[in-house]
Every structure is written in C-alpha cells, then in structure tokens.
Amino acid sequence: MMDAELEKAFNEQLGAELYSSHLYLSMSAYCESIGMPGAAHWFRVQAEEERGHALRFFGHIVDRGGRVLLGEVPAPPTAFSSLRDAFERALEQERQVSRAIDRLVAMAAERGDYAAQAFLQWFVTEQVEEEKQAADMVAALRAIGEDPTGLFMLDRELAARRPEEG
C-alpha cells in the first residue's frame, strides 16, 4: 500500500506526463504548420513517449492498491516563434519533469517506500536521456540558425526517429 501523500504526488505526476504529451502534440502541430514534417514527426513520437510515461504511473498506482485520479490537463501553448523556440521550451519542460521526478524520489526515500524508489529509478535514467535529446536539438538549431539548407537536413534527420522499445 502506498502512502496517501505519495499516491497524491504520483497522481499529480501522471497528470504532468499527460500535459507533456499534449505539449508535444501542440509542438507537432506547429511544425506541420511551418512545413517541417520531420520535426512534427519527432514531436509526435515524443508525445507518445510521454503518454507511455503517464501509463507507467497509472499502472504503478493501481498495482500498489491506490486509486488513479485523473485531473484536468491544461491546454498547452500553441504559438511558437520558431523551431528553436519549440525545442527550447521542450528542454525546459524536460528539466521541469526531472525536478519533479527528483522530488518524488526524495519523497519515496523519506517514507522508506522502496517499491516507489525502484519504480522511479527508471524515470531518473530516462530523464537524463530526455534532457540530452532536447539539449542536443537546441544546440543544433543554434548552430544552424536560419540556414534553410541546414534546417532542411535537420528536418530529414528528425523524420527518421523511431519510437522507443519498452
């Protein structure tokens, strides 16, 4: 059985993961609107990953005898000034998620909840990868600037992204 406060925090994180999914779908729609189908694809894959993260929290809460309480998911922004702006916001979103996961780890440790700590370790590792991917994209876009050829080549590279296994 999960501590009531930890269960509440896990439900909040489930909602945050769903928000991330919505945010990435919004970024995908933006990329479609500016003729960047590869980037749109990249963000759609990211949105599905975030939905998968939410479902992991859903399953853990249920497996521990808790109750999943789905709240309202706020509407994400729909306007971005550039592809770089979208990826900079994605990086900030991933940093926020990392901080939230760190708080959950501390909370689980404080309560001696080893099952929650083991569950969260996957997210700790995942967030390192998530932040790195977004940071790498921001760095690439800073280097490319507004060069159409560079943006075209990057867009083609982004189109090749495949969903993660597991």
Protein backbone atom coordinates (compact mmCIF):
# COMPACT_ATOMS: atom_id res chain seq x y z
CA MET A 1 0.00 0.00 0.00
CA MET A 2 1.27 3.40 -0.94
CA ASP A 3 1.42 6.35 1.47
CA ALA A 4 -1.52 8.69 0.76
CA GLU A 5 0.68 11.74 0.14
CA LEU A 6 2.94 9.79 -2.20
CA GLU A 7 -0.09 8.43 -4.05
CA LYS A 8 -1.34 12.00 -4.46
CA ALA A 9 2.07 13.08 -5.78
CA PHE A 10 2.14 10.14 -8.21
CA ASN A 11 -1.31 11.14 -9.49
CA GLU A 12 -0.05 14.69 -9.98
CA GLN A 13 2.96 13.37 -11.91
CA LEU A 14 0.65 11.25 -14.06
CA GLY A 15 -1.15 14.49 -14.95
CA ALA A 16 2.15 16.25 -15.64
CA GLU A 17 3.14 13.47 -18.03
CA LEU A 18 -0.18 13.84 -19.85
CA TYR A 19 0.44 17.59 -20.06
CA SER A 20 3.86 16.90 -21.59
CA SER A 21 2.18 14.68 -24.17
CA HIS A 22 -0.27 17.48 -25.05
CA LEU A 23 2.55 20.00 -25.22
CA TYR A 24 4.49 17.85 -27.69
CA LEU A 25 1.37 17.32 -29.80
CA SER A 26 0.96 21.09 -29.91
CA MET A 27 4.59 21.45 -30.98
CA SER A 28 4.00 18.81 -33.65
CA ALA A 29 1.03 20.77 -34.99
CA TYR A 30 3.17 23.91 -35.06
CA CYS A 31 5.89 22.11 -37.01
CA GLU A 32 3.33 20.88 -39.54
CA SER A 33 2.14 24.46 -39.97
CA ILE A 34 5.64 25.70 -40.83
CA GLY A 35 6.42 22.90 -43.26
CA MET A 36 8.71 20.86 -41.01
CA PRO A 37 7.20 17.35 -41.25
CA GLY A 38 10.29 15.66 -39.80
CA ALA A 39 10.18 17.81 -36.68
CA ALA A 40 6.41 17.25 -36.49
CA HIS A 41 7.07 13.50 -36.56
CA TRP A 42 9.76 13.83 -33.87
CA PHE A 43 7.34 15.66 -31.56
CA ARG A 44 4.55 13.13 -32.22
CA VAL A 45 6.87 10.31 -31.21
CA GLN A 46 7.79 12.32 -28.11
CA ALA A 47 4.10 12.85 -27.31
CA GLU A 48 3.52 9.09 -27.43
CA GLU A 49 6.51 8.50 -25.14
CA GLU A 50 5.07 10.93 -22.61
CA ARG A 51 1.70 9.20 -22.78
CA GLY A 52 3.55 5.95 -22.10
CA HIS A 53 5.19 7.56 -19.07
CA ALA A 54 1.76 8.56 -17.78
CA LEU A 55 0.55 4.99 -18.21
CA ARG A 56 3.55 3.72 -16.21
CA PHE A 57 2.44 5.92 -13.30
CA PHE A 58 -1.15 4.75 -13.80
CA GLY A 59 -0.05 1.11 -13.58
CA HIS A 60 2.15 1.64 -10.53
CA ILE A 61 -0.59 3.39 -8.60
CA VAL A 62 -3.05 0.59 -9.42
CA ASP A 63 -0.50 -2.16 -8.70
CA ARG A 64 0.10 -0.67 -5.26
CA GLY A 65 -3.60 -0.70 -4.39
CA GLY A 66 -4.04 3.02 -4.95
CA ARG A 67 -6.64 4.96 -6.85
CA VAL A 68 -5.85 6.83 -10.02
CA LEU A 69 -7.44 10.27 -10.02
CA LEU A 70 -7.27 11.99 -13.37
CA GLY A 71 -7.48 15.74 -13.23
CA GLU A 72 -7.83 18.39 -15.86
CA VAL A 73 -4.94 18.67 -18.31
CA PRO A 74 -4.26 22.35 -19.05
CA ALA A 75 -4.15 23.43 -22.67
CA PRO A 76 -0.56 23.78 -23.87
CA PRO A 77 0.72 26.81 -25.75
CA THR A 78 0.00 26.74 -29.46
CA ALA A 79 2.22 29.56 -30.68
CA PHE A 80 5.97 29.26 -31.05
CA SER A 81 8.27 31.82 -32.64
CA SER A 82 10.48 29.24 -34.35
CA LEU A 83 11.53 25.62 -34.38
CA ARG A 84 14.31 26.56 -31.99
CA ASP A 85 11.77 28.15 -29.64
CA ALA A 86 9.76 24.92 -29.63
CA PHE A 87 12.82 22.85 -28.77
CA GLU A 88 13.95 25.33 -26.11
CA ARG A 89 10.53 25.01 -24.49
CA ALA A 90 10.76 21.23 -24.80
CA LEU A 91 14.11 21.34 -22.99
CA GLU A 92 12.63 23.46 -20.21
CA GLN A 93 9.68 21.05 -19.94
CA GLU A 94 12.07 18.11 -19.57
CA ARG A 95 14.02 19.96 -16.90
CA GLN A 96 10.78 20.61 -15.00
CA VAL A 97 9.88 16.92 -15.24
CA SER A 98 13.35 15.96 -13.98
CA ARG A 99 12.93 18.22 -10.96
CA ALA A 100 9.50 16.68 -10.28
CA ILE A 101 10.89 13.14 -10.52
CA ASP A 102 13.71 14.11 -8.15
CA ARG A 103 11.12 15.38 -5.64
CA LEU A 104 9.22 12.09 -5.93
CA VAL A 105 12.41 10.10 -5.33
CA ALA A 106 13.16 12.18 -2.23
CA MET A 107 9.59 11.77 -1.03
CA ALA A 108 9.69 7.99 -1.53
CA ALA A 109 13.06 7.77 0.28
CA GLU A 110 11.73 9.88 3.14
CA ARG A 111 8.86 7.43 3.56
CA GLY A 112 11.02 4.33 3.16
CA ASP A 113 8.96 3.26 0.13
CA TYR A 114 11.45 1.03 -1.65
CA ALA A 115 8.98 -0.11 -4.30
CA ALA A 116 8.36 3.51 -5.33
CA GLN A 117 12.09 4.22 -5.30
CA ALA A 118 12.76 1.23 -7.59
CA PHE A 119 9.93 2.30 -9.90
CA LEU A 120 11.19 5.88 -10.07
CA GLN A 121 14.76 4.87 -10.89
CA TRP A 122 13.67 4.15 -14.47
CA PHE A 123 12.41 7.74 -14.73
CA VAL A 124 15.62 9.16 -13.27
CA THR A 125 17.59 7.43 -16.02
CA GLU A 126 15.02 8.31 -18.69
CA GLN A 127 15.12 12.00 -17.81
CA VAL A 128 18.87 12.16 -18.39
CA GLU A 129 18.21 10.91 -21.94
CA GLU A 130 15.19 13.21 -22.43
CA GLU A 131 17.12 16.32 -21.40
CA LYS A 132 20.11 15.35 -23.54
CA GLN A 133 17.97 14.84 -26.66
CA ALA A 134 16.30 18.22 -26.26
CA ALA A 135 19.59 19.98 -25.41
CA ASP A 136 21.25 18.42 -28.46
CA MET A 137 18.44 19.72 -30.66
CA VAL A 138 18.70 23.23 -29.20
CA ALA A 139 22.47 23.18 -29.80
CA ALA A 140 22.00 22.01 -33.38
CA LEU A 141 19.40 24.71 -34.05
CA ARG A 142 21.64 27.39 -32.57
CA ALA A 143 24.44 26.24 -34.89
CA ILE A 144 22.16 26.12 -37.94
CA GLY A 145 20.47 29.45 -37.27
CA GLU A 146 18.08 30.29 -40.09
CA ASP A 147 20.07 28.48 -42.79
CA PRO A 148 17.39 26.82 -44.98
CA THR A 149 19.68 24.01 -46.10
CA GLY A 150 20.66 23.19 -42.53
CA LEU A 151 17.03 23.26 -41.41
CA PHE A 152 16.02 21.03 -44.33
CA MET A 153 18.73 18.49 -43.47
CA LEU A 154 17.85 18.53 -39.77
CA ASP A 155 14.18 18.05 -40.59
CA ARG A 156 15.04 14.97 -42.66
CA GLU A 157 17.08 13.60 -39.75
CA LEU A 158 14.21 14.18 -37.33
CA ALA A 159 11.85 12.26 -39.63
CA ALA A 160 13.91 9.11 -39.02
CA ARG A 161 13.14 8.95 -35.29
CA ARG A 162 11.57 5.70 -34.19
CA PRO A 163 9.56 5.05 -31.04
CA GLU A 164 11.44 3.55 -28.09
CA GLU A 165 11.03 -0.10 -27.27
CA GLY A 166 9.71 -0.98 -23.82
